[in-house]
Amino acid sequence: MQFLERSSVVAVIDTFGDEEIGNAIKAFPIYNDDANHANGVWADVDRWELFEPDYMNNSYTMRKVILHTARCTNCDANITIDDYDQYCPRCGAKMEYEE
């Protein structure tokens, strides 16, 4: 997923002079602006061990899958953090781990 900085979108909209769209964009929360990155902490980190079927070469086995979940202290979302460990995918906050 790629984010566009709010200030960049506002500059493009202002260039084309569409005031209604420009005002709507300016009302968006500032999560991914250069000077205003939100910061958060991964709290309540949990580890989950799940098992799923694995069908290989006409044989049936069970494969263990390990997931880690945590809560973003900025937006309070519970996230599977295996894929999103540096930024919260919900609010875009730059994340650190709770000590």
N, C-alpha and C. Protein backbone atom coordinates (compact mmCIF):
# COMPACT_ATOMS: atom_id res chain seq x y z
N MET A 1 0.84 -1.17 0.00
CA MET A 1 0.00 0.00 0.00
C MET A 1 0.89 1.24 0.00
N GLN A 2 0.53 2.19 -0.81
CA GLN A 2 1.31 3.42 -0.89
C GLN A 2 0.43 4.58 -0.45
N PHE A 3 0.97 5.42 0.43
CA PHE A 3 0.26 6.59 0.90
C PHE A 3 0.74 7.82 0.18
N LEU A 4 -0.17 8.75 -0.07
CA LEU A 4 0.20 10.05 -0.59
C LEU A 4 0.17 11.04 0.56
N GLU A 5 1.13 11.91 0.61
CA GLU A 5 1.15 12.92 1.66
C GLU A 5 0.03 13.92 1.41
N ARG A 6 -0.65 14.28 2.48
CA ARG A 6 -1.77 15.20 2.39
C ARG A 6 -1.36 16.51 1.74
N SER A 7 -0.19 17.03 2.10
CA SER A 7 0.26 18.31 1.55
C SER A 7 0.47 18.22 0.03
N SER A 8 0.92 17.06 -0.47
CA SER A 8 1.11 16.88 -1.91
C SER A 8 -0.23 16.87 -2.64
N VAL A 9 -1.21 16.19 -2.08
CA VAL A 9 -2.54 16.13 -2.71
C VAL A 9 -3.17 17.52 -2.71
N VAL A 10 -3.06 18.25 -1.61
CA VAL A 10 -3.61 19.60 -1.54
C VAL A 10 -2.95 20.50 -2.59
N ALA A 11 -1.65 20.39 -2.78
CA ALA A 11 -0.95 21.21 -3.77
C ALA A 11 -1.45 20.92 -5.18
N VAL A 12 -1.67 19.66 -5.50
CA VAL A 12 -2.16 19.30 -6.84
C VAL A 12 -3.58 19.82 -7.04
N ILE A 13 -4.44 19.64 -6.05
CA ILE A 13 -5.83 20.11 -6.16
C ILE A 13 -5.87 21.63 -6.29
N ASP A 14 -5.04 22.34 -5.49
CA ASP A 14 -5.01 23.80 -5.57
C ASP A 14 -4.54 24.28 -6.94
N THR A 15 -3.64 23.52 -7.56
CA THR A 15 -3.14 23.89 -8.89
C THR A 15 -4.26 23.87 -9.92
N PHE A 16 -5.16 22.88 -9.80
CA PHE A 16 -6.25 22.78 -10.77
C PHE A 16 -7.45 23.63 -10.38
N GLY A 17 -7.43 24.23 -9.20
CA GLY A 17 -8.43 25.21 -8.82
C GLY A 17 -9.79 24.68 -8.45
N ASP A 18 -9.92 23.40 -8.08
CA ASP A 18 -11.22 22.88 -7.67
C ASP A 18 -11.36 23.09 -6.16
N GLU A 19 -12.02 24.17 -5.80
CA GLU A 19 -12.09 24.58 -4.39
C GLU A 19 -12.86 23.58 -3.52
N GLU A 20 -13.93 23.00 -4.03
CA GLU A 20 -14.74 22.07 -3.24
C GLU A 20 -13.94 20.81 -2.89
N ILE A 21 -13.23 20.25 -3.87
CA ILE A 21 -12.41 19.06 -3.60
C ILE A 21 -11.24 19.44 -2.70
N GLY A 22 -10.64 20.60 -2.93
CA GLY A 22 -9.53 21.05 -2.09
C GLY A 22 -9.93 21.17 -0.64
N ASN A 23 -11.11 21.72 -0.38
CA ASN A 23 -11.58 21.85 1.00
C ASN A 23 -11.85 20.48 1.63
N ALA A 24 -12.36 19.55 0.83
CA ALA A 24 -12.60 18.19 1.34
C ALA A 24 -11.29 17.50 1.70
N ILE A 25 -10.28 17.64 0.87
CA ILE A 25 -8.97 17.03 1.14
C ILE A 25 -8.34 17.67 2.38
N LYS A 26 -8.46 18.98 2.52
CA LYS A 26 -7.87 19.66 3.67
C LYS A 26 -8.51 19.22 4.99
N ALA A 27 -9.73 18.68 4.93
CA ALA A 27 -10.42 18.22 6.14
C ALA A 27 -9.95 16.83 6.58
N PHE A 28 -9.20 16.11 5.73
CA PHE A 28 -8.70 14.78 6.11
C PHE A 28 -7.75 14.90 7.30
N PRO A 29 -7.72 13.87 8.14
CA PRO A 29 -6.75 13.88 9.26
C PRO A 29 -5.33 13.89 8.72
N ILE A 30 -4.42 14.49 9.46
CA ILE A 30 -3.03 14.56 9.05
C ILE A 30 -2.28 13.41 9.70
N TYR A 31 -2.22 12.25 9.01
CA TYR A 31 -1.47 11.12 9.52
C TYR A 31 -0.15 10.94 8.78
N ASN A 32 -0.12 11.22 7.49
CA ASN A 32 1.05 10.89 6.69
C ASN A 32 1.74 12.12 6.11
N ASP A 33 1.61 13.25 6.76
CA ASP A 33 2.29 14.45 6.33
C ASP A 33 3.74 14.39 6.80
N ASP A 34 4.67 14.96 6.05
CA ASP A 34 6.10 14.90 6.41
C ASP A 34 6.35 15.38 7.84
N ALA A 35 5.82 16.53 8.20
CA ALA A 35 6.14 17.11 9.50
C ALA A 35 5.25 16.61 10.62
N ASN A 36 4.22 15.84 10.29
CA ASN A 36 3.23 15.49 11.31
C ASN A 36 2.98 13.98 11.41
N HIS A 37 4.01 13.17 11.29
CA HIS A 37 3.81 11.73 11.43
C HIS A 37 3.35 11.41 12.84
N ALA A 38 2.28 10.66 12.93
CA ALA A 38 1.83 10.18 14.23
C ALA A 38 2.77 9.06 14.68
N ASN A 39 2.95 8.92 15.96
CA ASN A 39 3.78 7.85 16.51
C ASN A 39 2.92 7.01 17.43
N GLY A 40 3.23 5.73 17.49
CA GLY A 40 2.49 4.83 18.36
C GLY A 40 3.40 3.72 18.84
N VAL A 41 2.83 2.87 19.66
CA VAL A 41 3.55 1.74 20.22
C VAL A 41 2.69 0.50 20.04
N TRP A 42 3.33 -0.60 19.63
CA TRP A 42 2.62 -1.88 19.61
C TRP A 42 2.53 -2.37 21.05
N ALA A 43 1.34 -2.41 21.60
CA ALA A 43 1.11 -2.84 22.98
C ALA A 43 0.32 -4.15 22.98
N ASP A 44 0.31 -4.83 24.09
CA ASP A 44 -0.45 -6.08 24.26
C ASP A 44 -0.12 -7.09 23.17
N VAL A 45 1.15 -7.29 22.90
CA VAL A 45 1.57 -8.22 21.85
C VAL A 45 1.24 -9.65 22.29
N ASP A 46 0.53 -10.37 21.43
CA ASP A 46 0.17 -11.77 21.68
C ASP A 46 0.71 -12.65 20.58
N ARG A 47 0.97 -13.91 20.92
CA ARG A 47 1.42 -14.89 19.93
C ARG A 47 0.36 -15.97 19.83
N TRP A 48 -0.02 -16.28 18.60
CA TRP A 48 -1.05 -17.28 18.34
C TRP A 48 -0.45 -18.40 17.50
N GLU A 49 -0.65 -19.64 17.92
CA GLU A 49 -0.24 -20.79 17.12
C GLU A 49 -1.50 -21.45 16.58
N LEU A 50 -1.62 -21.46 15.28
CA LEU A 50 -2.76 -22.06 14.61
C LEU A 50 -2.28 -23.20 13.72
N PHE A 51 -3.17 -24.10 13.39
CA PHE A 51 -2.84 -25.21 12.51
C PHE A 51 -3.79 -25.18 11.33
N GLU A 52 -3.23 -25.40 10.14
CA GLU A 52 -4.05 -25.42 8.93
C GLU A 52 -3.65 -26.61 8.09
N PRO A 53 -4.60 -27.14 7.30
CA PRO A 53 -4.28 -28.30 6.47
C PRO A 53 -3.29 -27.93 5.37
N ASP A 54 -2.42 -28.85 5.08
CA ASP A 54 -1.41 -28.67 4.03
C ASP A 54 -1.48 -29.89 3.12
N TYR A 55 -1.92 -29.69 1.89
CA TYR A 55 -2.06 -30.78 0.93
C TYR A 55 -0.88 -30.75 -0.03
N MET A 56 0.08 -31.60 0.20
CA MET A 56 1.25 -31.69 -0.66
C MET A 56 1.41 -33.13 -1.15
N ASN A 57 1.61 -33.31 -2.43
CA ASN A 57 1.87 -34.62 -3.03
C ASN A 57 0.82 -35.66 -2.62
N ASN A 58 -0.43 -35.26 -2.68
CA ASN A 58 -1.55 -36.14 -2.34
C ASN A 58 -1.51 -36.67 -0.93
N SER A 59 -0.86 -35.97 -0.03
CA SER A 59 -0.88 -36.36 1.37
C SER A 59 -1.40 -35.20 2.20
N TYR A 60 -2.00 -35.54 3.29
CA TYR A 60 -2.63 -34.55 4.14
C TYR A 60 -1.83 -34.41 5.43
N THR A 61 -1.33 -33.22 5.68
CA THR A 61 -0.61 -32.95 6.93
C THR A 61 -1.14 -31.63 7.51
N MET A 62 -0.76 -31.39 8.73
CA MET A 62 -1.12 -30.13 9.37
C MET A 62 0.13 -29.27 9.48
N ARG A 63 -0.02 -28.00 9.16
CA ARG A 63 1.09 -27.07 9.21
C ARG A 63 0.81 -26.05 10.30
N LYS A 64 1.82 -25.76 11.13
CA LYS A 64 1.67 -24.76 12.19
C LYS A 64 1.94 -23.36 11.63
N VAL A 65 1.04 -22.44 11.95
CA VAL A 65 1.17 -21.05 11.53
C VAL A 65 1.23 -20.21 12.79
N ILE A 66 2.23 -19.35 12.89
CA ILE A 66 2.38 -18.48 14.06
C ILE A 66 2.05 -17.05 13.66
N LEU A 67 1.11 -16.46 14.37
CA LEU A 67 0.70 -15.08 14.13
C LEU A 67 0.98 -14.25 15.38
N HIS A 68 1.29 -13.00 15.17
CA HIS A 68 1.48 -12.07 16.28
C HIS A 68 0.46 -10.95 16.12
N THR A 69 -0.24 -10.64 17.18
CA THR A 69 -1.19 -9.54 17.15
C THR A 69 -0.78 -8.52 18.20
N ALA A 70 -1.16 -7.28 17.95
CA ALA A 70 -0.85 -6.21 18.89
C ALA A 70 -1.88 -5.10 18.72
N ARG A 71 -1.90 -4.21 19.69
CA ARG A 71 -2.81 -3.07 19.68
C ARG A 71 -2.00 -1.80 19.43
N CYS A 72 -2.46 -0.99 18.48
CA CYS A 72 -1.83 0.30 18.20
C CYS A 72 -2.29 1.30 19.25
N THR A 73 -1.35 1.93 19.93
CA THR A 73 -1.71 2.90 20.97
C THR A 73 -2.20 4.22 20.38
N ASN A 74 -2.00 4.46 19.09
CA ASN A 74 -2.46 5.69 18.47
C ASN A 74 -3.94 5.63 18.10
N CYS A 75 -4.39 4.51 17.48
CA CYS A 75 -5.79 4.41 17.03
C CYS A 75 -6.55 3.29 17.72
N ASP A 76 -5.89 2.50 18.57
CA ASP A 76 -6.50 1.43 19.36
C ASP A 76 -6.96 0.25 18.51
N ALA A 77 -6.42 0.08 17.31
CA ALA A 77 -6.78 -1.05 16.46
C ALA A 77 -5.96 -2.28 16.84
N ASN A 78 -6.58 -3.45 16.77
CA ASN A 78 -5.88 -4.71 16.96
C ASN A 78 -5.46 -5.23 15.59
N ILE A 79 -4.16 -5.45 15.41
CA ILE A 79 -3.59 -5.73 14.09
C ILE A 79 -2.75 -6.99 14.16
N THR A 80 -2.76 -7.79 13.09
CA THR A 80 -1.78 -8.86 12.92
C THR A 80 -0.52 -8.19 12.43
N ILE A 81 0.54 -8.21 13.23
CA ILE A 81 1.71 -7.37 12.94
C ILE A 81 2.79 -8.05 12.13
N ASP A 82 2.59 -9.27 11.67
CA ASP A 82 3.62 -9.93 10.87
C ASP A 82 3.95 -9.13 9.61
N ASP A 83 2.95 -8.51 9.02
CA ASP A 83 3.17 -7.75 7.79
C ASP A 83 3.34 -6.26 8.03
N TYR A 84 2.93 -5.78 9.18
CA TYR A 84 2.92 -4.34 9.45
C TYR A 84 3.68 -4.06 10.74
N ASP A 85 4.97 -4.17 10.71
CA ASP A 85 5.65 -3.98 11.98
C ASP A 85 6.23 -2.58 12.17
N GLN A 86 6.35 -1.79 11.12
CA GLN A 86 6.92 -0.44 11.27
C GLN A 86 5.85 0.65 11.26
N TYR A 87 4.71 0.40 10.64
CA TYR A 87 3.63 1.37 10.55
C TYR A 87 2.30 0.68 10.80
N CYS A 88 1.38 1.38 11.43
CA CYS A 88 0.04 0.85 11.63
C CYS A 88 -0.72 0.98 10.31
N PRO A 89 -1.32 -0.10 9.80
CA PRO A 89 -2.02 -0.01 8.52
C PRO A 89 -3.34 0.77 8.62
N ARG A 90 -3.84 0.96 9.83
CA ARG A 90 -5.10 1.68 9.98
C ARG A 90 -4.91 3.19 10.03
N CYS A 91 -3.94 3.67 10.83
CA CYS A 91 -3.79 5.12 10.99
C CYS A 91 -2.48 5.67 10.41
N GLY A 92 -1.56 4.78 10.02
CA GLY A 92 -0.31 5.23 9.42
C GLY A 92 0.76 5.67 10.41
N ALA A 93 0.50 5.45 11.71
CA ALA A 93 1.48 5.88 12.71
C ALA A 93 2.76 5.07 12.61
N LYS A 94 3.88 5.73 12.82
CA LYS A 94 5.17 5.04 12.88
C LYS A 94 5.25 4.34 14.23
N MET A 95 5.49 3.04 14.20
CA MET A 95 5.34 2.22 15.40
C MET A 95 6.67 1.79 16.01
N GLU A 96 6.65 1.62 17.32
CA GLU A 96 7.74 1.02 18.09
C GLU A 96 7.13 -0.08 18.94
N TYR A 97 7.95 -0.94 19.49
CA TYR A 97 7.45 -2.01 20.35
C TYR A 97 7.49 -1.58 21.80
N GLU A 98 6.49 -2.00 22.54
CA GLU A 98 6.42 -1.70 23.98
C GLU A 98 7.57 -2.40 24.68
N GLU A 99 8.22 -1.69 25.58
CA GLU A 99 9.38 -2.26 26.31
C GLU A 99 8.93 -3.05 27.49
